Amino acid sequence: MFQDGDLLIGGLFEVQRYLKVFPELSFRTEPKLPQCELFYMTSFQQALTMVFAISEINNNPNLLPNITLGYQIYDNCLRLGVAFRGATALVSGTEETVSDLNCKGPSPVIGIIGDPGSTHSIAISSVLGLFRLPMVSYYATCSCLSDKKKYPSFFRTIPSDAFQVRAMVQILRHFGWTWVGLIYSDNDYGIYAAQSFQQEMQVFGHCVAFSEILPNDNNPRDIQRIMGVIYTSTARVVVVFSASSLLIPLMDKVVLQNMTGRQWIASEAWTTSPMFRTPRFLSFLGGTLGIAIRRGEIEGLHDFLLRVRPNNDQRNNIVRIFWENLFGCTFETGGKKTEGEQVKKLCTGQEDLSTTNSPYTDVSGLRASYNVYKAVYALAHALHDLMQCEEGRGPFSGNSCAGITNLKPWQKVNFTTGFGDHVSFDKNGDALAIYDVLNWQPSSDGSIKLHKVGVVNEGAASGVMLTVDEDAFYWNFETKKPPQSLCSESCPPGTRRATKKGLPVCCFDCLPCGDGEISNATNAVECMLCPDEFWSNPDKDQCVPKEVEFLSYEEPLGISLTTASLLGTCFCALVMVIFAHHRNSPIVRANNSELSFLLLLSLKLCFLCVLLFIGQPQLWTCQLRHAVFGISFVLCISCILVKTMVVIAVFKSSRPESKGAIKWFGAVQQRCTVLVLTTLQVMICAAWLSTASPTPHKNNQYIRSKIVYECAIGSVAGFSLLLGYIGLLAAVSFLLAFLARNLPDHFNEAKFITFSMLIFCAVWIAFVPAYVSSPGKYAVAVEIFAILSSSFGLLVAIFAPKCYIILLHPERNTKKAIIGRETQNI
């Protein structure tokens, strides 16, 4: 809306609530105006109140004589981008040419009424403050806007949330409500108000039972989660800081889930909203207490609203939009507009507003509109004081005064409205704090009416004075009285009561018991620790025996390892059968058949010793598992070491200068070497078992909720000596085989021994860190895997090539073939 004048007052209002189309910003052409919808009659009344106030001032000879005020009003569509665009248009103008020879351009905007939103006001006033252009909001309550360093030109005719919070806490104190829930919107208004509220509650020793944020996108999951918090909480008083539009999804859920028995405390942003004052919400929201903006009366406003008429001036197109929404008609002349099957009639512009019944014409409870009225008069009185300034006594540099051609709109005001309210601003730009206390009561038609039951205003030393008429209250409880005890003094089983220091007895947190702790009684201050072999159940109200964990034959891991062990044993037996059947063949005889059979027997024992590691640990299995494992592997490595030494001795005896070498390492010497080496390991095991024998042990350290049943090795030194001896023999065998790897093929079993020992050493080197870092039964599984891997490596590397020749190439298993290769290689 627009009207020209000597000076202009800008306005930003939330007339339409939904941005339908945002104009494309090509930066090549002037963007069109945004297209919005969902017309809000109450906000349009607020905008027209600004127009009425300016008209009233222009007709008042005692206020701004000889100056005509105009206005330029924009709809922000409840969107920050639209609001900011409107503000910049007010500051810089939209005209492309100047209007006079002095190049002064159009009439200056001396101040802006609005924006109603705290977030919008924060963004806009940050820019306007750079130019010291006053912005007087009638609805932005965020306490952050009181910071004059950040927002030097921001003022408001509505009290700050800091006072609203103090007023709410005063009401809670009056009724003895010390245990309340808190819900707030996810914007500057809600976040700052919630922070102040929690701080103020702590000052007076009150407690916030829960604090939940309303989702901006109305996410059903978030709404349902909040409903669950409200339902399970022992707090029966719920304080809400939010605009009504963001609260609708939650209140719809309250009705759908029949949530009664809650005392709602409403902030000024939704106390007077008509959305919830229908019969549908009476059973759930009846009795709500709310803080409301001070109601005022504006004489002549109702008649002015009825005289409004649309015109063809595009700068006043919002009036045409209002007319179409109110009367359900259209100004389009190209044909009648249809919506589905409904045909819209043409608007004449002469329809009678007095026959309508809408929030636009309702002036019985002027609150936000009254704040708009005071904001316009504040700017006018400030300007009037500037105009009355005498040269040499002015407030500006050099004691100068402002003039209409050199305007500096910066002056504090102090005046009284026609309704008798005193208007002034403190050092933070905040108006004098006063609120009405409203109670939602049932009306004769089943809807909810607003009934004033008290007043709260600022007292001495920034205190709060509350005056209420308790006989006028309506309580939506069966007792028809305010609830006296709205906090629980007990905690459910499985939790402990943590009372907050210095706060009332009902102000405590019910903290869940920790793992392994229980609480099976209400009001438990401490949780009880379960005994060593017990653990808490999921509800934390009973101690139950811990699960015992060990590597068993029934689980998949145990079955897999057992299967691998038995397969290895069968493979060894199969190779023994093949070698026994072909015991007189040249390839078996040439590779020392006696040592080969002894090696196969030791590998069988290596595979079978795995079975001692699986199953619930017993004393005898713990003692035997490592002893059998150590002796079997030493027997195996001893056979391989002797076979390597035989290969080297045979090669040396084939040379003329060393023909006697083999006689010093015959069959007797070979048996004795294996026996001596194995006996040493038997002695190590005997000493270990006799001094610090491995025993079954229930370990609670790996996993606190389980008992890991394992074999404690008893002596780390004994276990280390056992493994070290195996490692020493393996290293010697690998070294000798590596040195003999290039001997003639006929004698050369050293290549396969080298490869087998390489596999063996790699597996056991990797075993040590894996074993140390594996918890519980997985350490046993790692040891079994190392035994099986090294055993399979030895079996395959040493015996697979021989079986290959015996079974698939018998023509190469002849004395002639071996002698021929021998002669050729030598």
Foldseek 3Di string as FASTA:
>chain_A
DKDAWLAEAEEEWAQFAAFDDDWDPPVPDDTDQTDGHHGDLLRVLLVVLLVVLLVVQQPDCVFPHPTRYMYAYDYQNNDLVSLLVSLVCLQPPDDPDADDPVRLRGHHHQAYEDDQAQQSCLVSLQVVVVVLRAYEYLHYAQPVLLPCVRRVRYFYAAYHLLLVLQVVVVVCVVQVQQEEEEEEEPDRQGVRSVVSNQVVSVVVQGAHQYYYYQDPVLPVVSLVVVVVVQVPALFQEYEYHYAVVSCVSNLVVCLVVVDARHAYEYEQNPPPPPPQQFLSNCLHHAFHKYWHFDFFADPPSLVSLQPDFDDDPPSPCVSQVVVCVQVVAHQDPPDWDDDVPDTHHHDPRPDGPVVGDDSNNDRPGDGSSVRSSVSSVQQSQLVRVLDPQDACCDPDPNNGGADSSRDDRDGWDWDADPRGDTWGADPSNYTFHKIFMWGWHADPVSTTDTDTFWMWGQDPPRHIDIDGDLVPGAHSDPVRHPDNDSADQKEAWQWAWAADPPHDSRHTDTHGADWQWTGQDINHHHTHHHPQQWTADPSRHDTHGFAEDAAACPDPLNVVLLVLLVVQLVLLVVLVVLCVVCVVFQVCVLQPVVLVNQLSVLLNLLSVLLVLLHDFDAQVSQLVSLLSNLLSLQLNLLSLQLSLVQLVQVLQLVDPVRVPSVVVNDPVNSVVSSVVSSVVSNVLSVVQCVPFGWHWDFDCPQPVRHTQIHTDRRDPVSSCVSVVSSVVSLVSSLVSLVVCQPGQPLSNLSVLSNQLSVQLVVLVVVLVVQLVPDDGNVSSSSVSVSSSRSSVSNCCSRRVVVVCCSPPPVVCRHPVNSVVSVVVRD
